[in-house]
C-alpha atoms as a PDB file:
ATOM      1  CA  MET A   1       1.723 -67.438 -25.282  1.00  0.00           C
ATOM      2  CA  PRO A   2       5.384 -67.454 -26.374  1.00  0.00           C
ATOM      3  CA  VAL A   3       7.214 -64.126 -26.401  1.00  0.00           C
ATOM      4  CA  ASP A   4       8.572 -64.652 -29.919  1.00  0.00           C
ATOM      5  CA  PRO A   5       5.935 -63.266 -32.333  1.00  0.00           C
ATOM      6  CA  GLN A   6       6.754 -65.705 -35.131  1.00  0.00           C
ATOM      7  CA  GLU A   7       6.312 -68.656 -32.808  1.00  0.00           C
ATOM      8  CA  SER A   8       3.004 -67.197 -31.626  1.00  0.00           C
ATOM      9  CA  LEU A   9       1.841 -66.850 -35.233  1.00  0.00           C
ATOM     10  CA  ASN A  10       2.918 -70.429 -35.982  1.00  0.00           C
ATOM     11  CA  LEU A  11       0.812 -71.650 -33.054  1.00  0.00           C
ATOM     12  CA  MET A  12      -2.159 -69.649 -34.254  1.00  0.00           C
ATOM     13  CA  GLU A  13      -1.704 -70.975 -37.797  1.00  0.00           C
ATOM     14  CA  ARG A  14      -2.083 -74.533 -36.504  1.00  0.00           C
ATOM     15  CA  GLU A  15      -5.127 -73.444 -34.496  1.00  0.00           C
ATOM     16  CA  ILE A  16      -6.759 -71.925 -37.578  1.00  0.00           C
ATOM     17  CA  LEU A  17      -6.008 -74.964 -39.742  1.00  0.00           C
ATOM     18  CA  ASN A  18      -7.736 -77.164 -37.170  1.00  0.00           C
ATOM     19  CA  CYS A  19     -10.485 -74.708 -36.249  1.00  0.00           C
ATOM     20  CA  GLU A  20     -13.978 -76.155 -35.784  1.00  0.00           C
ATOM     21  CA  LYS A  21     -15.706 -73.100 -34.285  1.00  0.00           C
ATOM     22  CA  CYS A  22     -18.124 -72.790 -37.213  1.00  0.00           C
ATOM     23  CA  LYS A  23     -19.552 -76.158 -38.197  1.00  0.00           C
ATOM     24  CA  ASP A  24     -20.965 -74.970 -41.526  1.00  0.00           C
ATOM     25  CA  LEU A  25     -17.564 -73.660 -42.611  1.00  0.00           C
ATOM     26  CA  TYR A  26     -15.586 -76.588 -41.284  1.00  0.00           C
ATOM     27  CA  MET A  27     -17.829 -79.160 -42.947  1.00  0.00           C
ATOM     28  CA  CYS A  28     -17.408 -77.750 -46.451  1.00  0.00           C
ATOM     29  CA  ARG A  29     -14.029 -76.072 -46.618  1.00  0.00           C
ATOM     30  CA  LYS A  30     -11.112 -77.384 -48.598  1.00  0.00           C
ATOM     31  CA  THR A  31      -8.798 -75.721 -46.110  1.00  0.00           C
ATOM     32  CA  SER A  32      -8.771 -72.664 -43.918  1.00  0.00           C
ATOM     33  CA  VAL A  33      -6.412 -69.839 -44.871  1.00  0.00           C
ATOM     34  CA  PRO A  34      -4.210 -68.543 -42.035  1.00  0.00           C
ATOM     35  CA  GLY A  35      -2.259 -65.341 -42.435  1.00  0.00           C
ATOM     36  CA  MET A  36       1.392 -65.427 -43.409  1.00  0.00           C
ATOM     37  CA  GLY A  37       4.332 -63.072 -43.207  1.00  0.00           C
ATOM     38  CA  ALA A  38       6.702 -61.426 -40.766  1.00  0.00           C
ATOM     39  CA  GLY A  39       6.128 -61.684 -37.033  1.00  0.00           C
ATOM     40  CA  ARG A  40       7.108 -58.040 -36.583  1.00  0.00           C
ATOM     41  CA  ALA A  41       5.674 -56.693 -39.815  1.00  0.00           C
ATOM     42  CA  ARG A  42       5.408 -52.939 -40.279  1.00  0.00           C
ATOM     43  CA  VAL A  43       2.206 -53.379 -42.255  1.00  0.00           C
ATOM     44  CA  ILE A  44      -0.703 -55.829 -42.389  1.00  0.00           C
ATOM     45  CA  PHE A  45      -2.413 -56.196 -45.758  1.00  0.00           C
ATOM     46  CA  LEU A  46      -5.964 -57.334 -45.106  1.00  0.00           C
ATOM     47  CA  GLY A  47      -8.516 -58.870 -47.465  1.00  0.00           C
ATOM     48  CA  TYR A  48     -12.071 -59.881 -46.633  1.00  0.00           C
ATOM     49  CA  ILE A  49     -12.646 -63.500 -47.758  1.00  0.00           C
ATOM     50  CA  PRO A  50     -10.133 -65.925 -49.328  1.00  0.00           C
ATOM     51  CA  ASP A  51     -10.612 -66.438 -53.048  1.00  0.00           C
ATOM     52  CA  ILE A  52     -12.528 -69.676 -53.558  1.00  0.00           C
ATOM     53  CA  ASP A  53     -10.545 -70.716 -56.644  1.00  0.00           C
ATOM     54  CA  ASP A  54      -7.057 -69.829 -55.456  1.00  0.00           C
ATOM     55  CA  SER A  55      -6.435 -69.058 -51.787  1.00  0.00           C
ATOM     56  CA  GLU A  56      -8.764 -71.810 -50.558  1.00  0.00           C
ATOM     57  CA  GLU A  57      -7.117 -74.276 -52.932  1.00  0.00           C
ATOM     58  CA  GLN A  58      -3.600 -73.430 -51.762  1.00  0.00           C
ATOM     59  CA  GLY A  59      -4.253 -72.332 -48.184  1.00  0.00           C
ATOM     60  CA  LYS A  60      -2.253 -69.125 -48.716  1.00  0.00           C
ATOM     61  CA  PRO A  61      -3.560 -65.535 -48.752  1.00  0.00           C
ATOM     62  CA  PHE A  62      -3.557 -63.588 -52.018  1.00  0.00           C
ATOM     63  CA  SER A  63      -2.320 -66.602 -53.989  1.00  0.00           C
ATOM     64  CA  GLY A  64      -4.409 -66.123 -57.132  1.00  0.00           C
ATOM     65  CA  LYS A  65      -2.026 -65.531 -60.020  1.00  0.00           C
ATOM     66  CA  ARG A  66      -3.398 -62.151 -61.133  1.00  0.00           C
ATOM     67  CA  ALA A  67      -3.786 -60.779 -57.603  1.00  0.00           C
ATOM     68  CA  SER A  68      -0.469 -62.253 -56.461  1.00  0.00           C
ATOM     69  CA  ASP A  69       1.460 -60.940 -59.459  1.00  0.00           C
ATOM     70  CA  PHE A  70      -0.092 -57.498 -59.071  1.00  0.00           C
ATOM     71  CA  LEU A  71       0.566 -57.339 -55.329  1.00  0.00           C
ATOM     72  CA  ASN A  72       4.190 -58.432 -55.830  1.00  0.00           C
ATOM     73  CA  PHE A  73       4.567 -55.763 -58.500  1.00  0.00           C
ATOM     74  CA  LEU A  74       3.221 -53.128 -56.095  1.00  0.00           C
ATOM     75  CA  LEU A  75       5.519 -54.256 -53.289  1.00  0.00           C
ATOM     76  CA  ASP A  76       8.490 -54.083 -55.646  1.00  0.00           C
ATOM     77  CA  GLU A  77       7.431 -50.560 -56.606  1.00  0.00           C
ATOM     78  CA  ILE A  78       7.711 -49.402 -52.992  1.00  0.00           C
ATOM     79  CA  GLN A  79      10.684 -51.666 -52.185  1.00  0.00           C
ATOM     80  CA  LEU A  80       8.885 -53.437 -49.360  1.00  0.00           C
ATOM     81  CA  ASN A  81      10.231 -56.861 -48.447  1.00  0.00           C
ATOM     82  CA  PRO A  82       7.164 -59.144 -48.034  1.00  0.00           C
ATOM     83  CA  GLN A  83       9.072 -61.726 -45.955  1.00  0.00           C
ATOM     84  CA  GLU A  84      10.502 -59.227 -43.461  1.00  0.00           C
ATOM     85  CA  GLU A  85       8.180 -56.215 -43.410  1.00  0.00           C
ATOM     86  CA  ALA A  86       4.658 -57.373 -44.278  1.00  0.00           C
ATOM     87  CA  TYR A  87       1.923 -59.731 -43.133  1.00  0.00           C
ATOM     88  CA  PHE A  88      -0.972 -60.895 -45.305  1.00  0.00           C
ATOM     89  CA  THR A  89      -4.284 -62.139 -43.999  1.00  0.00           C
ATOM     90  CA  TYR A  90      -8.074 -62.076 -44.343  1.00  0.00           C
ATOM     91  CA  VAL A  91     -10.879 -61.076 -42.014  1.00  0.00           C
ATOM     92  CA  LEU A  92     -12.424 -64.529 -42.623  1.00  0.00           C
ATOM     93  CA  LYS A  93     -10.135 -67.536 -42.603  1.00  0.00           C
ATOM     94  CA  CYS A  94     -12.633 -69.849 -44.352  1.00  0.00           C
ATOM     95  CA  VAL A  95     -14.870 -69.355 -47.379  1.00  0.00           C
ATOM     96  CA  PRO A  96     -18.593 -69.286 -46.492  1.00  0.00           C
ATOM     97  CA  LYS A  97     -20.502 -71.316 -49.092  1.00  0.00           C
ATOM     98  CA  LYS A  98     -24.037 -72.070 -50.117  1.00  0.00           C
ATOM     99  CA  CYS A  99     -24.456 -75.773 -49.453  1.00  0.00           C
ATOM    100  CA  GLU A 100     -27.168 -78.412 -49.228  1.00  0.00           C
ATOM    101  CA  HIS A 101     -26.555 -79.040 -45.538  1.00  0.00           C
ATOM    102  CA  LYS A 102     -27.510 -75.447 -44.661  1.00  0.00           C
ATOM    103  CA  ASP A 103     -31.099 -76.268 -45.616  1.00  0.00           C
ATOM    104  CA  ARG A 104     -32.338 -77.377 -42.191  1.00  0.00           C
ATOM    105  CA  SER A 105     -35.275 -79.282 -43.722  1.00  0.00           C
ATOM    106  CA  LYS A 106     -32.940 -81.793 -45.364  1.00  0.00           C
ATOM    107  CA  GLN A 107     -31.742 -84.974 -43.727  1.00  0.00           C
ATOM    108  CA  LYS A 108     -28.309 -84.465 -42.277  1.00  0.00           C
ATOM    109  CA  SER A 109     -25.217 -86.583 -42.444  1.00  0.00           C
ATOM    110  CA  SER A 110     -23.814 -87.855 -39.167  1.00  0.00           C
ATOM    111  CA  LYS A 111     -20.295 -87.291 -40.493  1.00  0.00           C
ATOM    112  CA  ILE A 112     -18.273 -84.294 -39.414  1.00  0.00           C
ATOM    113  CA  ARG A 113     -16.950 -83.526 -42.886  1.00  0.00           C
ATOM    114  CA  LEU A 114     -19.166 -83.117 -45.931  1.00  0.00           C
ATOM    115  CA  LEU A 115     -16.605 -82.166 -48.559  1.00  0.00           C
ATOM    116  CA  ARG A 116     -15.040 -85.369 -49.832  1.00  0.00           C
ATOM    117  CA  ARG A 117     -11.606 -85.754 -51.360  1.00  0.00           C
ATOM    118  CA  ASP A 118     -13.077 -85.750 -54.864  1.00  0.00           C
ATOM    119  CA  ASN A 119     -14.722 -82.354 -54.106  1.00  0.00           C
ATOM    120  CA  SER A 120     -18.205 -83.886 -53.956  1.00  0.00           C
ATOM    121  CA  CYS A 121     -20.742 -83.319 -51.180  1.00  0.00           C
ATOM    122  CA  GLU A 122     -21.451 -86.152 -48.760  1.00  0.00           C
ATOM    123  CA  LEU A 123     -25.175 -85.280 -48.794  1.00  0.00           C
ATOM    124  CA  THR A 124     -25.840 -84.914 -52.493  1.00  0.00           C
ATOM    125  CA  LEU A 125     -23.019 -87.094 -53.887  1.00  0.00           C
ATOM    126  CA  GLN A 126     -22.674 -84.350 -56.494  1.00  0.00           C
ATOM    127  CA  PRO A 127     -19.737 -82.001 -57.081  1.00  0.00           C
ATOM    128  CA  CYS A 128     -19.675 -79.156 -54.570  1.00  0.00           C
ATOM    129  CA  THR A 129     -21.227 -76.073 -56.155  1.00  0.00           C
ATOM    130  CA  GLY A 130     -18.647 -73.914 -54.420  1.00  0.00           C
ATOM    131  CA  GLN A 131     -20.846 -70.827 -54.453  1.00  0.00           C
ATOM    132  CA  MET A 132     -19.533 -68.185 -52.093  1.00  0.00           C
ATOM    133  CA  THR A 133     -21.959 -66.489 -49.736  1.00  0.00           C
ATOM    134  CA  GLY A 134     -21.742 -64.018 -46.877  1.00  0.00           C
ATOM    135  CA  PRO A 135     -20.751 -65.042 -43.342  1.00  0.00           C
ATOM    136  CA  SER A 136     -23.148 -65.338 -40.425  1.00  0.00           C
ATOM    137  CA  GLU A 137     -22.634 -63.104 -37.380  1.00  0.00           C
ATOM    138  CA  HIS A 138     -21.179 -66.069 -35.486  1.00  0.00           C
ATOM    139  CA  GLU A 139     -18.741 -66.861 -38.299  1.00  0.00           C
ATOM    140  CA  LEU A 140     -17.607 -63.255 -38.517  1.00  0.00           C
ATOM    141  CA  SER A 141     -17.176 -62.828 -34.762  1.00  0.00           C
ATOM    142  CA  SER A 142     -15.229 -66.099 -34.502  1.00  0.00           C
ATOM    143  CA  CYS A 143     -12.774 -64.979 -37.168  1.00  0.00           C
ATOM    144  CA  LEU A 144     -12.465 -61.502 -35.687  1.00  0.00           C
ATOM    145  CA  GLU A 145     -10.946 -63.168 -32.624  1.00  0.00           C
ATOM    146  CA  TYR A 146      -8.138 -64.465 -34.835  1.00  0.00           C
ATOM    147  CA  LEU A 147      -7.634 -61.083 -36.506  1.00  0.00           C
ATOM    148  CA  SER A 148      -7.469 -59.409 -33.111  1.00  0.00           C
ATOM    149  CA  LYS A 149      -4.789 -61.888 -32.046  1.00  0.00           C
ATOM    150  CA  GLU A 150      -2.826 -61.279 -35.249  1.00  0.00           C
ATOM    151  CA  ILE A 151      -2.822 -57.542 -34.617  1.00  0.00           C
ATOM    152  CA  SER A 152      -1.837 -58.011 -30.949  1.00  0.00           C
ATOM    153  CA  ILE A 153       1.045 -60.329 -31.829  1.00  0.00           C
ATOM    154  CA  ILE A 154       2.430 -58.345 -34.759  1.00  0.00           C
ATOM    155  CA  THR A 155       1.805 -54.811 -33.409  1.00  0.00           C
ATOM    156  CA  PRO A 156       1.891 -53.283 -36.900  1.00  0.00           C
ATOM    157  CA  HIS A 157       2.426 -49.602 -37.634  1.00  0.00           C
ATOM    158  CA  VAL A 158      -0.156 -49.677 -40.439  1.00  0.00           C
ATOM    159  CA  ILE A 159      -3.111 -51.843 -41.455  1.00  0.00           C
ATOM    160  CA  ILE A 160      -4.198 -51.639 -45.088  1.00  0.00           C
ATOM    161  CA  PRO A 161      -7.641 -53.171 -45.657  1.00  0.00           C
ATOM    162  CA  PHE A 162      -8.451 -53.865 -49.294  1.00  0.00           C
ATOM    163  CA  GLY A 163     -12.039 -53.109 -50.336  1.00  0.00           C
ATOM    164  CA  LEU A 164     -15.170 -51.868 -48.634  1.00  0.00           C
ATOM    165  CA  ARG A 165     -16.099 -54.857 -46.470  1.00  0.00           C
ATOM    166  CA  ALA A 166     -12.646 -55.282 -44.926  1.00  0.00           C
ATOM    167  CA  THR A 167     -12.431 -51.529 -44.393  1.00  0.00           C
ATOM    168  CA  LYS A 168     -15.804 -51.273 -42.649  1.00  0.00           C
ATOM    169  CA  ILE A 169     -14.981 -54.201 -40.357  1.00  0.00           C
ATOM    170  CA  VAL A 170     -11.626 -52.766 -39.284  1.00  0.00           C
ATOM    171  CA  LEU A 171     -12.942 -49.255 -38.711  1.00  0.00           C
ATOM    172  CA  SER A 172     -16.042 -50.341 -36.807  1.00  0.00           C
ATOM    173  CA  ASN A 173     -14.492 -53.129 -34.732  1.00  0.00           C
ATOM    174  CA  PHE A 174     -10.991 -51.856 -33.983  1.00  0.00           C
ATOM    175  CA  LEU A 175     -11.381 -48.078 -34.132  1.00  0.00           C
ATOM    176  CA  SER A 176     -15.054 -47.843 -33.068  1.00  0.00           C
ATOM    177  CA  ARG A 177     -15.781 -45.657 -36.068  1.00  0.00           C
ATOM    178  CA  LYS A 178     -19.365 -45.103 -37.106  1.00  0.00           C
ATOM    179  CA  ILE A 179     -19.746 -46.212 -40.725  1.00  0.00           C
ATOM    180  CA  THR A 180     -21.743 -43.657 -42.685  1.00  0.00           C
ATOM    181  CA  SER A 181     -20.902 -44.497 -46.307  1.00  0.00           C
ATOM    182  CA  ASN A 182     -21.047 -47.592 -48.493  1.00  0.00           C
ATOM    183  CA  ASN A 183     -18.900 -46.000 -51.175  1.00  0.00           C
ATOM    184  CA  MET A 184     -15.307 -47.252 -50.996  1.00  0.00           C
ATOM    185  CA  GLN A 185     -14.032 -44.096 -52.627  1.00  0.00           C
ATOM    186  CA  ASP A 186     -14.980 -42.242 -49.447  1.00  0.00           C
ATOM    187  CA  TYR A 187     -12.396 -44.324 -47.533  1.00  0.00           C
ATOM    188  CA  HIS A 188      -9.704 -44.912 -50.168  1.00  0.00           C
ATOM    189  CA  MET A 189      -6.310 -43.463 -49.130  1.00  0.00           C
ATOM    190  CA  LYS A 190      -7.682 -41.738 -46.022  1.00  0.00           C
ATOM    191  CA  VAL A 191      -5.780 -42.187 -42.767  1.00  0.00           C
ATOM    192  CA  TYR A 192      -7.551 -43.325 -39.591  1.00  0.00           C
ATOM    193  CA  LYS A 193      -5.636 -43.402 -36.322  1.00  0.00           C
ATOM    194  CA  SER A 194      -5.857 -45.565 -33.229  1.00  0.00           C
ATOM    195  CA  PRO A 195      -3.501 -45.349 -30.226  1.00  0.00           C
ATOM    196  CA  SER A 196      -1.658 -48.435 -31.515  1.00  0.00           C
ATOM    197  CA  PHE A 197      -1.671 -48.260 -35.322  1.00  0.00           C
ATOM    198  CA  LYS A 198      -2.924 -46.373 -38.350  1.00  0.00           C
ATOM    199  CA  VAL A 199      -5.455 -47.678 -40.884  1.00  0.00           C
ATOM    200  CA  LEU A 200      -5.094 -46.731 -44.545  1.00  0.00           C
ATOM    201  CA  PRO A 201      -7.910 -48.286 -46.609  1.00  0.00           C
ATOM    202  CA  MET A 202      -7.438 -48.976 -50.305  1.00  0.00           C
ATOM    203  CA  GLN A 203      -9.688 -50.085 -53.109  1.00  0.00           C
ATOM    204  CA  SER A 204      -9.564 -53.850 -53.703  1.00  0.00           C
ATOM    205  CA  LEU A 205      -6.799 -55.392 -55.796  1.00  0.00           C
ATOM    206  CA  SER A 206      -9.373 -56.367 -58.418  1.00  0.00           C
ATOM    207  CA  TRP A 207     -10.324 -52.675 -58.673  1.00  0.00           C
ATOM    208  CA  GLY A 208      -6.635 -51.844 -58.916  1.00  0.00           C
ATOM    209  CA  LEU A 209      -6.175 -54.242 -61.816  1.00  0.00           C
ATOM    210  CA  ARG A 210      -8.872 -52.348 -63.697  1.00  0.00           C
ATOM    211  CA  HIS A 211      -7.300 -48.965 -62.854  1.00  0.00           C
ATOM    212  CA  ARG A 212      -3.665 -50.021 -62.799  1.00  0.00           C
ATOM    213  CA  LYS A 213      -1.971 -46.671 -63.459  1.00  0.00           C
ATOM    214  CA  ALA A 214      -3.895 -44.711 -60.813  1.00  0.00           C
ATOM    215  CA  TYR A 215      -3.664 -47.540 -58.269  1.00  0.00           C
ATOM    216  CA  THR A 216       0.092 -47.889 -58.733  1.00  0.00           C
ATOM    217  CA  LYS A 217       0.523 -44.157 -58.177  1.00  0.00           C
ATOM    218  CA  ASP A 218      -1.553 -44.352 -54.990  1.00  0.00           C
ATOM    219  CA  PHE A 219       0.440 -47.356 -53.800  1.00  0.00           C
ATOM    220  CA  GLN A 220       3.673 -45.444 -54.238  1.00  0.00           C
ATOM    221  CA  SER A 221       2.271 -42.879 -51.809  1.00  0.00           C
ATOM    222  CA  VAL A 222       1.330 -45.737 -49.494  1.00  0.00           C
ATOM    223  CA  GLY A 223       4.949 -46.904 -49.532  1.00  0.00           C
ATOM    224  CA  LYS A 224       6.150 -43.520 -48.320  1.00  0.00           C
ATOM    225  CA  PHE A 225       3.457 -43.480 -45.638  1.00  0.00           C
ATOM    226  CA  ILE A 226       4.498 -46.930 -44.361  1.00  0.00           C
ATOM    227  CA  ARG A 227       8.126 -45.842 -44.053  1.00  0.00           C
ATOM    228  CA  PHE A 228       7.279 -42.839 -41.887  1.00  0.00           C
ATOM    229  CA  ALA A 229       4.326 -44.239 -39.910  1.00  0.00           C
END
């Protein structure tokens, strides 16, 4: 692997865009969504699954207009340069979907790809329903390999997972923490330490949009924490 972290991330981006580890995801995705940002970022902002209407359409993390505008506003508030100091990614690089081909009783297509250019399904010849579902264990473990590589390449000071699912995955898989609560408020703005980096979970951006004043105040504290971590 090249020494330069940005070159390493560029190589991994191409690998993710061409990834075929999970046939169900590969067959029905519009595109995978690699992370993007600085190769030596101080902080990794981590979501769980790309948004099906925005990030999967554009192939860029946090690209939905409301989420993107809000995140940019927050970064401006703490004067964090997203191109030089931050990296944005998801736990899952593809969107798991409910699809006709997952019903193993149905006749299968011999083609590798089921999502056609007109967004219809090769099996049903109908528009793809595009209903998001949860990942299988294999899909999750395959994507965790990419997240582990991202962390190893970037060596961030801080990882900020947005929302409960991203938080639980980071704490259980990278810090070996036993998860005892399913209430995100129990994790929000609490610091967890590993030998290599700190984890500071936050409520999801969608939650923040509904509680904008309180979330902005918390994010200002996050900015100070990032500077001194």
